[in-house]
Amino acid sequence: MRAEINTEELVNSLFRDDLQVEVPSPDVDLFESGILDSLKLAELLNCLEARLGAHISMDDFEFDNLRSIATIKQFLRDCTSQESG
């Protein structure tokens, strides 16, 4: 349960503090809404790598993993469980 809270806090703070954007709901499509464009996407990936201390492989990269805050959280949980498993 604590990992879930940390993941949620991490993703929310990335958007709020690092990207300086407000996302109205965890399920909002970040691309369709215009919250993420190519520049913000690059910033998001850089911030994720900096905060996690790990490189996100292009083999693991899919736009659908970054489509919403909810999918980003799931992607991070999946990455974390793969590293520990």
PDB file of N, CA and C in Angstrom:
ATOM      1  N   MET A   1       0.831  -1.199   0.000  1.00  0.00           N
ATOM      2  CA  MET A   1       0.000   0.000   0.000  1.00  0.00           C
ATOM      3  C   MET A   1       0.870   1.254   0.000  1.00  0.00           C
ATOM      4  N   ARG A   2       1.979   1.232   0.719  1.00  0.00           N
ATOM      5  CA  ARG A   2       2.852   2.400   0.775  1.00  0.00           C
ATOM      6  C   ARG A   2       3.458   2.721  -0.590  1.00  0.00           C
ATOM      7  N   ALA A   3       3.791   1.682  -1.361  1.00  0.00           N
ATOM      8  CA  ALA A   3       4.335   1.895  -2.711  1.00  0.00           C
ATOM      9  C   ALA A   3       3.306   2.587  -3.591  1.00  0.00           C
ATOM     10  N   GLU A   4       2.029   2.241  -3.422  1.00  0.00           N
ATOM     11  CA  GLU A   4       0.956   2.874  -4.182  1.00  0.00           C
ATOM     12  C   GLU A   4       0.907   4.367  -3.875  1.00  0.00           C
ATOM     13  N   ILE A   5       0.986   4.727  -2.598  1.00  0.00           N
ATOM     14  CA  ILE A   5       0.961   6.133  -2.200  1.00  0.00           C
ATOM     15  C   ILE A   5       2.180   6.848  -2.758  1.00  0.00           C
ATOM     16  N   ASN A   6       3.352   6.248  -2.656  1.00  0.00           N
ATOM     17  CA  ASN A   6       4.562   6.874  -3.171  1.00  0.00           C
ATOM     18  C   ASN A   6       4.486   7.093  -4.671  1.00  0.00           C
ATOM     19  N   THR A   7       3.952   6.130  -5.414  1.00  0.00           N
ATOM     20  CA  THR A   7       3.816   6.262  -6.857  1.00  0.00           C
ATOM     21  C   THR A   7       2.871   7.401  -7.199  1.00  0.00           C
ATOM     22  N   GLU A   8       1.751   7.465  -6.493  1.00  0.00           N
ATOM     23  CA  GLU A   8       0.782   8.534  -6.738  1.00  0.00           C
ATOM     24  C   GLU A   8       1.390   9.896  -6.411  1.00  0.00           C
ATOM     25  N   GLU A   9       2.071  10.007  -5.293  1.00  0.00           N
ATOM     26  CA  GLU A   9       2.724  11.262  -4.915  1.00  0.00           C
ATOM     27  C   GLU A   9       3.780  11.656  -5.942  1.00  0.00           C
ATOM     28  N   LEU A  10       4.561  10.686  -6.398  1.00  0.00           N
ATOM     29  CA  LEU A  10       5.610  10.942  -7.377  1.00  0.00           C
ATOM     30  C   LEU A  10       5.033  11.510  -8.666  1.00  0.00           C
ATOM     31  N   VAL A  11       4.037  10.843  -9.211  1.00  0.00           N
ATOM     32  CA  VAL A  11       3.464  11.276 -10.486  1.00  0.00           C
ATOM     33  C   VAL A  11       2.788  12.638 -10.346  1.00  0.00           C
ATOM     34  N   ASN A  12       2.020  12.819  -9.286  1.00  0.00           N
ATOM     35  CA  ASN A  12       1.354  14.105  -9.080  1.00  0.00           C
ATOM     36  C   ASN A  12       2.362  15.241  -8.925  1.00  0.00           C
ATOM     37  N   SER A  13       3.430  14.998  -8.185  1.00  0.00           N
ATOM     38  CA  SER A  13       4.426  16.050  -7.983  1.00  0.00           C
ATOM     39  C   SER A  13       5.220  16.323  -9.258  1.00  0.00           C
ATOM     40  N   LEU A  14       5.437  15.306 -10.098  1.00  0.00           N
ATOM     41  CA  LEU A  14       6.110  15.532 -11.380  1.00  0.00           C
ATOM     42  C   LEU A  14       5.340  16.539 -12.224  1.00  0.00           C
ATOM     43  N   PHE A  15       4.043  16.334 -12.312  1.00  0.00           N
ATOM     44  CA  PHE A  15       3.238  17.247 -13.130  1.00  0.00           C
ATOM     45  C   PHE A  15       3.125  18.624 -12.478  1.00  0.00           C
ATOM     46  N   ARG A  16       2.868  18.648 -11.188  1.00  0.00           N
ATOM     47  CA  ARG A  16       2.666  19.907 -10.480  1.00  0.00           C
ATOM     48  C   ARG A  16       3.964  20.712 -10.361  1.00  0.00           C
ATOM     49  N   ASP A  17       5.027  20.082  -9.877  1.00  0.00           N
ATOM     50  CA  ASP A  17       6.243  20.805  -9.538  1.00  0.00           C
ATOM     51  C   ASP A  17       7.239  20.907 -10.694  1.00  0.00           C
ATOM     52  N   ASP A  18       7.449  19.812 -11.407  1.00  0.00           N
ATOM     53  CA  ASP A  18       8.463  19.803 -12.459  1.00  0.00           C
ATOM     54  C   ASP A  18       7.932  20.326 -13.796  1.00  0.00           C
ATOM     55  N   LEU A  19       6.741  19.861 -14.190  1.00  0.00           N
ATOM     56  CA  LEU A  19       6.181  20.284 -15.477  1.00  0.00           C
ATOM     57  C   LEU A  19       5.302  21.517 -15.346  1.00  0.00           C
ATOM     58  N   GLN A  20       4.922  21.833 -14.114  1.00  0.00           N
ATOM     59  CA  GLN A  20       4.104  23.004 -13.798  1.00  0.00           C
ATOM     60  C   GLN A  20       2.796  23.032 -14.574  1.00  0.00           C
ATOM     61  N   VAL A  21       2.112  21.884 -14.546  1.00  0.00           N
ATOM     62  CA  VAL A  21       0.785  21.782 -15.146  1.00  0.00           C
ATOM     63  C   VAL A  21      -0.151  21.103 -14.164  1.00  0.00           C
ATOM     64  N   GLU A  22      -1.408  21.483 -14.226  1.00  0.00           N
ATOM     65  CA  GLU A  22      -2.441  20.854 -13.413  1.00  0.00           C
ATOM     66  C   GLU A  22      -3.209  19.883 -14.290  1.00  0.00           C
ATOM     67  N   VAL A  23      -3.348  18.678 -13.807  1.00  0.00           N
ATOM     68  CA  VAL A  23      -4.114  17.656 -14.513  1.00  0.00           C
ATOM     69  C   VAL A  23      -5.423  17.486 -13.755  1.00  0.00           C
ATOM     70  N   PRO A  24      -6.568  17.724 -14.418  1.00  0.00           N
ATOM     71  CA  PRO A  24      -7.845  17.717 -13.705  1.00  0.00           C
ATOM     72  C   PRO A  24      -8.279  16.367 -13.148  1.00  0.00           C
ATOM     73  N   SER A  25      -7.813  15.276 -13.758  1.00  0.00           N
ATOM     74  CA  SER A  25      -8.227  13.945 -13.323  1.00  0.00           C
ATOM     75  C   SER A  25      -7.150  12.937 -13.718  1.00  0.00           C
ATOM     76  N   PRO A  26      -6.992  11.874 -12.935  1.00  0.00           N
ATOM     77  CA  PRO A  26      -5.988  10.862 -13.278  1.00  0.00           C
ATOM     78  C   PRO A  26      -6.263  10.148 -14.600  1.00  0.00           C
ATOM     79  N   ASP A  27      -7.497  10.225 -15.090  1.00  0.00           N
ATOM     80  CA  ASP A  27      -7.863   9.513 -16.307  1.00  0.00           C
ATOM     81  C   ASP A  27      -7.907  10.397 -17.549  1.00  0.00           C
ATOM     82  N   VAL A  28      -7.592  11.681 -17.411  1.00  0.00           N
ATOM     83  CA  VAL A  28      -7.586  12.585 -18.565  1.00  0.00           C
ATOM     84  C   VAL A  28      -6.496  12.163 -19.541  1.00  0.00           C
ATOM     85  N   ASP A  29      -6.837  12.087 -20.823  1.00  0.00           N
ATOM     86  CA  ASP A  29      -5.844  11.758 -21.847  1.00  0.00           C
ATOM     87  C   ASP A  29      -4.921  12.963 -22.002  1.00  0.00           C
ATOM     88  N   LEU A  30      -3.676  12.781 -21.616  1.00  0.00           N
ATOM     89  CA  LEU A  30      -2.715  13.886 -21.575  1.00  0.00           C
ATOM     90  C   LEU A  30      -2.333  14.386 -22.961  1.00  0.00           C
ATOM     91  N   PHE A  31      -2.426  13.525 -23.962  1.00  0.00           N
ATOM     92  CA  PHE A  31      -2.093  13.926 -25.326  1.00  0.00           C
ATOM     93  C   PHE A  31      -3.277  14.629 -25.990  1.00  0.00           C
ATOM     94  N   GLU A  32      -4.458  14.030 -25.910  1.00  0.00           N
ATOM     95  CA  GLU A  32      -5.645  14.618 -26.528  1.00  0.00           C
ATOM     96  C   GLU A  32      -6.000  15.961 -25.903  1.00  0.00           C
ATOM     97  N   SER A  33      -5.774  16.107 -24.606  1.00  0.00           N
ATOM     98  CA  SER A  33      -6.102  17.354 -23.917  1.00  0.00           C
ATOM     99  C   SER A  33      -5.069  18.448 -24.167  1.00  0.00           C
ATOM    100  N   GLY A  34      -3.907  18.073 -24.729  1.00  0.00           N
ATOM    101  CA  GLY A  34      -2.856  19.050 -24.989  1.00  0.00           C
ATOM    102  C   GLY A  34      -1.937  19.301 -23.801  1.00  0.00           C
ATOM    103  N   ILE A  35      -2.153  18.583 -22.709  1.00  0.00           N
ATOM    104  CA  ILE A  35      -1.290  18.749 -21.539  1.00  0.00           C
ATOM    105  C   ILE A  35       0.119  18.287 -21.868  1.00  0.00           C
ATOM    106  N   LEU A  36       0.231  17.166 -22.595  1.00  0.00           N
ATOM    107  CA  LEU A  36       1.538  16.687 -23.045  1.00  0.00           C
ATOM    108  C   LEU A  36       1.675  16.915 -24.546  1.00  0.00           C
ATOM    109  N   ASP A  37       2.709  17.647 -24.903  1.00  0.00           N
ATOM    110  CA  ASP A  37       3.115  17.764 -26.298  1.00  0.00           C
ATOM    111  C   ASP A  37       4.523  17.166 -26.375  1.00  0.00           C
ATOM    112  N   SER A  38       5.174  17.277 -27.500  1.00  0.00           N
ATOM    113  CA  SER A  38       6.480  16.627 -27.639  1.00  0.00           C
ATOM    114  C   SER A  38       7.502  17.178 -26.643  1.00  0.00           C
ATOM    115  N   LEU A  39       7.478  18.474 -26.390  1.00  0.00           N
ATOM    116  CA  LEU A  39       8.423  19.060 -25.443  1.00  0.00           C
ATOM    117  C   LEU A  39       8.138  18.597 -24.017  1.00  0.00           C
ATOM    118  N   LYS A  40       6.874  18.658 -23.614  1.00  0.00           N
ATOM    119  CA  LYS A  40       6.497  18.217 -22.257  1.00  0.00           C
ATOM    120  C   LYS A  40       6.734  16.721 -22.081  1.00  0.00           C
ATOM    121  N   LEU A  41       6.558  15.947 -23.142  1.00  0.00           N
ATOM    122  CA  LEU A  41       6.825  14.519 -23.067  1.00  0.00           C
ATOM    123  C   LEU A  41       8.303  14.264 -22.787  1.00  0.00           C
ATOM    124  N   ALA A  42       9.169  14.985 -23.479  1.00  0.00           N
ATOM    125  CA  ALA A  42      10.613  14.847 -23.237  1.00  0.00           C
ATOM    126  C   ALA A  42      10.955  15.263 -21.804  1.00  0.00           C
ATOM    127  N   GLU A  43      10.344  16.350 -21.337  1.00  0.00           N
ATOM    128  CA  GLU A  43      10.566  16.791 -19.952  1.00  0.00           C
ATOM    129  C   GLU A  43      10.095  15.731 -18.967  1.00  0.00           C
ATOM    130  N   LEU A  44       8.915  15.150 -19.234  1.00  0.00           N
ATOM    131  CA  LEU A  44       8.379  14.112 -18.358  1.00  0.00           C
ATOM    132  C   LEU A  44       9.334  12.924 -18.278  1.00  0.00           C
ATOM    133  N   LEU A  45       9.820  12.466 -19.413  1.00  0.00           N
ATOM    134  CA  LEU A  45      10.750  11.326 -19.412  1.00  0.00           C
ATOM    135  C   LEU A  45      12.025  11.652 -18.655  1.00  0.00           C
ATOM    136  N   ASN A  46      12.552  12.854 -18.850  1.00  0.00           N
ATOM    137  CA  ASN A  46      13.751  13.273 -18.113  1.00  0.00           C
ATOM    138  C   ASN A  46      13.488  13.306 -16.609  1.00  0.00           C
ATOM    139  N   CYS A  47      12.339  13.843 -16.223  1.00  0.00           N
ATOM    140  CA  CYS A  47      11.995  13.924 -14.801  1.00  0.00           C
ATOM    141  C   CYS A  47      11.806  12.535 -14.198  1.00  0.00           C
ATOM    142  N   LEU A  48      11.145  11.651 -14.928  1.00  0.00           N
ATOM    143  CA  LEU A  48      10.960  10.284 -14.429  1.00  0.00           C
ATOM    144  C   LEU A  48      12.305   9.599 -14.218  1.00  0.00           C
ATOM    145  N   GLU A  49      13.187   9.743 -15.196  1.00  0.00           N
ATOM    146  CA  GLU A  49      14.502   9.120 -15.073  1.00  0.00           C
ATOM    147  C   GLU A  49      15.301   9.724 -13.920  1.00  0.00           C
ATOM    148  N   ALA A  50      15.218  11.031 -13.761  1.00  0.00           N
ATOM    149  CA  ALA A  50      15.952  11.685 -12.676  1.00  0.00           C
ATOM    150  C   ALA A  50      15.417  11.258 -11.312  1.00  0.00           C
ATOM    151  N   ARG A  51      14.115  11.220 -11.175  1.00  0.00           N
ATOM    152  CA  ARG A  51      13.526  10.861  -9.891  1.00  0.00           C
ATOM    153  C   ARG A  51      13.697   9.386  -9.556  1.00  0.00           C
ATOM    154  N   LEU A  52      13.633   8.539 -10.582  1.00  0.00           N
ATOM    155  CA  LEU A  52      13.744   7.103 -10.346  1.00  0.00           C
ATOM    156  C   LEU A  52      15.184   6.636 -10.340  1.00  0.00           C
ATOM    157  N   GLY A  53      16.070   7.456 -10.884  1.00  0.00           N
ATOM    158  CA  GLY A  53      17.467   7.073 -10.956  1.00  0.00           C
ATOM    159  C   GLY A  53      17.705   5.924 -11.915  1.00  0.00           C
ATOM    160  N   ALA A  54      16.849   5.820 -12.921  1.00  0.00           N
ATOM    161  CA  ALA A  54      16.970   4.720 -13.879  1.00  0.00           C
ATOM    162  C   ALA A  54      16.634   5.229 -15.269  1.00  0.00           C
ATOM    163  N   HIS A  55      17.176   4.549 -16.264  1.00  0.00           N
ATOM    164  CA  HIS A  55      16.916   4.891 -17.654  1.00  0.00           C
ATOM    165  C   HIS A  55      15.683   4.140 -18.143  1.00  0.00           C
ATOM    166  N   ILE A  56      14.785   4.841 -18.813  1.00  0.00           N
ATOM    167  CA  ILE A  56      13.632   4.194 -19.415  1.00  0.00           C
ATOM    168  C   ILE A  56      14.032   3.774 -20.818  1.00  0.00           C
ATOM    169  N   SER A  57      14.102   2.485 -21.030  1.00  0.00           N
ATOM    170  CA  SER A  57      14.533   1.939 -22.317  1.00  0.00           C
ATOM    171  C   SER A  57      13.503   2.225 -23.398  1.00  0.00           C
ATOM    172  N   MET A  58      13.980   2.506 -24.600  1.00  0.00           N
ATOM    173  CA  MET A  58      13.065   2.723 -25.713  1.00  0.00           C
ATOM    174  C   MET A  58      12.313   1.437 -26.040  1.00  0.00           C
ATOM    175  N   ASP A  59      12.847   0.294 -25.669  1.00  0.00           N
ATOM    176  CA  ASP A  59      12.132  -0.975 -25.856  1.00  0.00           C
ATOM    177  C   ASP A  59      10.889  -1.035 -24.968  1.00  0.00           C
ATOM    178  N   ASP A  60      10.946  -0.381 -23.801  1.00  0.00           N
ATOM    179  CA  ASP A  60       9.824  -0.360 -22.865  1.00  0.00           C
ATOM    180  C   ASP A  60       8.886   0.808 -23.114  1.00  0.00           C
ATOM    181  N   PHE A  61       9.308   1.739 -23.949  1.00  0.00           N
ATOM    182  CA  PHE A  61       8.549   2.969 -24.152  1.00  0.00           C
ATOM    183  C   PHE A  61       7.372   2.741 -25.095  1.00  0.00           C
ATOM    184  N   GLU A  62       6.200   3.106 -24.632  1.00  0.00           N
ATOM    185  CA  GLU A  62       4.991   3.112 -25.449  1.00  0.00           C
ATOM    186  C   GLU A  62       4.178   4.333 -25.023  1.00  0.00           C
ATOM    187  N   PHE A  63       3.624   5.042 -26.012  1.00  0.00           N
ATOM    188  CA  PHE A  63       2.832   6.224 -25.687  1.00  0.00           C
ATOM    189  C   PHE A  63       1.658   5.878 -24.775  1.00  0.00           C
ATOM    190  N   ASP A  64       1.075   4.711 -24.962  1.00  0.00           N
ATOM    191  CA  ASP A  64      -0.073   4.336 -24.137  1.00  0.00           C
ATOM    192  C   ASP A  64       0.284   4.239 -22.660  1.00  0.00           C
ATOM    193  N   ASN A  65       1.557   3.959 -22.340  1.00  0.00           N
ATOM    194  CA  ASN A  65       1.987   3.922 -20.938  1.00  0.00           C
ATOM    195  C   ASN A  65       2.006   5.311 -20.312  1.00  0.00           C
ATOM    196  N   LEU A  66       2.000   6.348 -21.140  1.00  0.00           N
ATOM    197  CA  LEU A  66       2.093   7.729 -20.650  1.00  0.00           C
ATOM    198  C   LEU A  66       0.856   8.546 -21.018  1.00  0.00           C
ATOM    199  N   ARG A  67      -0.221   7.875 -21.368  1.00  0.00           N
ATOM    200  CA  ARG A  67      -1.416   8.559 -21.865  1.00  0.00           C
ATOM    201  C   ARG A  67      -2.176   9.306 -20.768  1.00  0.00           C
ATOM    202  N   SER A  68      -2.099   8.831 -19.537  1.00  0.00           N
ATOM    203  CA  SER A  68      -2.796   9.482 -18.421  1.00  0.00           C
ATOM    204  C   SER A  68      -1.979   9.275 -17.155  1.00  0.00           C
ATOM    205  N   ILE A  69      -2.335   9.998 -16.117  1.00  0.00           N
ATOM    206  CA  ILE A  69      -1.655   9.802 -14.836  1.00  0.00           C
ATOM    207  C   ILE A  69      -1.871   8.366 -14.353  1.00  0.00           C
ATOM    208  N   ALA A  70      -3.065   7.843 -14.569  1.00  0.00           N
ATOM    209  CA  ALA A  70      -3.352   6.470 -14.142  1.00  0.00           C
ATOM    210  C   ALA A  70      -2.454   5.468 -14.874  1.00  0.00           C
ATOM    211  N   THR A  71      -2.254   5.634 -16.177  1.00  0.00           N
ATOM    212  CA  THR A  71      -1.414   4.687 -16.915  1.00  0.00           C
ATOM    213  C   THR A  71       0.063   4.871 -16.574  1.00  0.00           C
ATOM    214  N   ILE A  72       0.472   6.091 -16.258  1.00  0.00           N
ATOM    215  CA  ILE A  72       1.863   6.328 -15.832  1.00  0.00           C
ATOM    216  C   ILE A  72       2.120   5.609 -14.507  1.00  0.00           C
ATOM    217  N   LYS A  73       1.181   5.726 -13.581  1.00  0.00           N
ATOM    218  CA  LYS A  73       1.334   5.043 -12.292  1.00  0.00           C
ATOM    219  C   LYS A  73       1.427   3.530 -12.487  1.00  0.00           C
ATOM    220  N   GLN A  74       0.591   2.977 -13.367  1.00  0.00           N
ATOM    221  CA  GLN A  74       0.632   1.537 -13.623  1.00  0.00           C
ATOM    222  C   GLN A  74       1.962   1.149 -14.264  1.00  0.00           C
ATOM    223  N   PHE A  75       2.434   1.952 -15.203  1.00  0.00           N
ATOM    224  CA  PHE A  75       3.717   1.711 -15.856  1.00  0.00           C
ATOM    225  C   PHE A  75       4.844   1.685 -14.822  1.00  0.00           C
ATOM    226  N   LEU A  76       4.841   2.642 -13.905  1.00  0.00           N
ATOM    227  CA  LEU A  76       5.873   2.686 -12.866  1.00  0.00           C
ATOM    228  C   LEU A  76       5.773   1.487 -11.930  1.00  0.00           C
ATOM    229  N   ARG A  77       4.558   1.092 -11.574  1.00  0.00           N
ATOM    230  CA  ARG A  77       4.385  -0.106 -10.731  1.00  0.00           C
ATOM    231  C   ARG A  77       4.909  -1.336 -11.455  1.00  0.00           C
ATOM    232  N   ASP A  78       4.599  -1.446 -12.755  1.00  0.00           N
ATOM    233  CA  ASP A  78       5.078  -2.589 -13.532  1.00  0.00           C
ATOM    234  C   ASP A  78       6.598  -2.611 -13.608  1.00  0.00           C
ATOM    235  N   CYS A  79       7.197  -1.449 -13.838  1.00  0.00           N
ATOM    236  CA  CYS A  79       8.660  -1.371 -13.903  1.00  0.00           C
ATOM    237  C   CYS A  79       9.275  -1.756 -12.573  1.00  0.00           C
ATOM    238  N   THR A  80       8.704  -1.285 -11.487  1.00  0.00           N
ATOM    239  CA  THR A  80       9.206  -1.580 -10.152  1.00  0.00           C
ATOM    240  C   THR A  80       9.082  -3.067  -9.832  1.00  0.00           C
ATOM    241  N   SER A  81       7.960  -3.667 -10.213  1.00  0.00           N
ATOM    242  CA  SER A  81       7.784  -5.093  -9.907  1.00  0.00           C
ATOM    243  C   SER A  81       8.714  -5.952 -10.754  1.00  0.00           C
ATOM    244  N   GLN A  82       9.033  -5.534 -11.968  1.00  0.00           N
ATOM    245  CA  GLN A  82       9.981  -6.271 -12.809  1.00  0.00           C
ATOM    246  C   GLN A  82      11.384  -6.213 -12.237  1.00  0.00           C
ATOM    247  N   GLU A  83      11.754  -5.050 -11.674  1.00  0.00           N
ATOM    248  CA  GLU A  83      13.098  -4.900 -11.098  1.00  0.00           C
ATOM    249  C   GLU A  83      13.254  -5.743  -9.854  1.00  0.00           C
ATOM    250  N   SER A  84      12.189  -5.836  -9.038  1.00  0.00           N
ATOM    251  CA  SER A  84      12.293  -6.582  -7.786  1.00  0.00           C
ATOM    252  C   SER A  84      12.032  -8.080  -7.981  1.00  0.00           C
ATOM    253  N   GLY A  85      11.465  -8.457  -9.139  1.00  0.00           N
ATOM    254  CA  GLY A  85      11.100  -9.854  -9.343  1.00  0.00           C
ATOM    255  C   GLY A  85      12.067 -10.622 -10.133  1.00  0.00           C
TER     256      GLY A  85
END
